[in-house]
Amino acid sequence: MSELKNIKDRVAKALERVRPYLQSDGGDIELIEVTDDLTVKVKLKGACHGCPYSMQTLKAGVEQAILKEVPEIKKVISA
């Protein structure tokens, strides 16, 4: 298995851990891509899309959860 595929699988697993919190507020998250430079692109959906707190959720919640599981990741951005 390629290293990038392994990283993508680990990122997806980390997202599964935060998904219930987003869904409890009427939102969700979709993994769009893990780039070659180890940037994770995600899309906030539902109530999270366009929410005034979405960037805070992305940085404080989602990014921290991903970095805890996959420290190789450089950053998490909204696609």
Protein backbone atom coordinates (compact mmCIF):
# COMPACT_ATOMS: atom_id res chain seq x y z
CA MET A 1 0.00 0.00 0.00
CA SER A 2 1.34 3.43 -0.86
CA GLU A 3 2.24 5.83 1.92
CA LEU A 4 -0.27 8.44 0.67
CA LYS A 5 -3.07 5.83 0.64
CA ASN A 6 -2.16 4.84 4.21
CA ILE A 7 -2.25 8.49 5.29
CA LYS A 8 -5.59 9.04 3.55
CA ASP A 9 -7.06 6.02 5.34
CA ARG A 10 -5.82 7.34 8.69
CA VAL A 11 -7.27 10.79 7.95
CA ALA A 12 -10.61 9.21 7.07
CA LYS A 13 -10.54 7.32 10.37
CA ALA A 14 -9.87 10.56 12.28
CA LEU A 15 -12.80 12.22 10.49
CA GLU A 16 -15.06 9.36 11.56
CA ARG A 17 -14.24 10.26 15.16
CA VAL A 18 -15.33 13.91 14.78
CA ARG A 19 -18.28 13.25 12.45
CA PRO A 20 -20.79 12.49 15.29
CA TYR A 21 -20.10 15.89 16.86
CA LEU A 22 -20.74 17.66 13.57
CA GLN A 23 -23.85 15.59 12.90
CA SER A 24 -25.23 16.39 16.35
CA ASP A 25 -25.31 20.04 15.22
CA GLY A 26 -26.90 19.19 11.86
CA GLY A 27 -23.66 19.19 9.89
CA ASP A 28 -21.24 16.74 8.35
CA ILE A 29 -17.82 16.60 6.74
CA GLU A 30 -16.48 15.08 3.55
CA LEU A 31 -12.85 14.25 2.80
CA ILE A 32 -12.06 15.71 -0.61
CA GLU A 33 -8.35 15.04 -0.99
CA VAL A 34 -5.02 14.47 0.68
CA THR A 35 -2.47 16.22 -1.53
CA ASP A 36 1.10 15.15 -2.23
CA ASP A 37 2.32 17.94 0.07
CA LEU A 38 0.18 16.45 2.90
CA THR A 39 -2.57 19.05 2.93
CA VAL A 40 -6.01 17.71 3.77
CA LYS A 41 -8.93 19.24 1.88
CA VAL A 42 -12.34 18.77 3.46
CA LYS A 43 -15.82 20.09 2.79
CA LEU A 44 -18.13 21.03 5.65
CA LYS A 45 -21.72 20.19 4.81
CA GLY A 46 -25.21 20.71 6.19
CA ALA A 47 -25.50 23.20 9.03
CA CYS A 48 -21.69 23.46 9.17
CA HIS A 49 -21.49 24.83 5.62
CA GLY A 50 -21.57 28.61 5.88
CA CYS A 51 -21.84 28.61 9.67
CA PRO A 52 -20.07 31.61 11.23
CA TYR A 53 -18.09 29.18 13.38
CA SER A 54 -17.09 26.87 10.53
CA MET A 55 -13.46 28.03 10.37
CA GLN A 56 -13.15 27.65 14.14
CA THR A 57 -14.65 24.15 13.88
CA LEU A 58 -12.27 23.33 11.07
CA LYS A 59 -9.14 24.54 12.89
CA ALA A 60 -9.91 23.75 16.53
CA GLY A 61 -11.89 20.57 16.02
CA VAL A 62 -11.23 18.86 12.75
CA GLU A 63 -7.59 19.87 12.23
CA GLN A 64 -6.62 18.98 15.79
CA ALA A 65 -8.31 15.57 15.53
CA ILE A 66 -6.51 14.83 12.27
CA LEU A 67 -3.12 16.01 13.54
CA LYS A 68 -3.48 13.88 16.66
CA GLU A 69 -4.04 10.76 14.51
CA VAL A 70 -1.83 11.69 11.55
CA PRO A 71 0.99 14.02 12.67
CA GLU A 72 2.53 13.96 9.16
CA ILE A 73 -0.27 16.21 7.90
CA LYS A 74 0.84 19.80 7.35
CA LYS A 75 -2.55 21.57 7.36
CA VAL A 76 -6.28 21.15 6.90
CA ILE A 77 -8.18 23.47 4.58
CA SER A 78 -11.74 23.88 3.41
CA ALA A 79 -12.26 22.90 -0.22
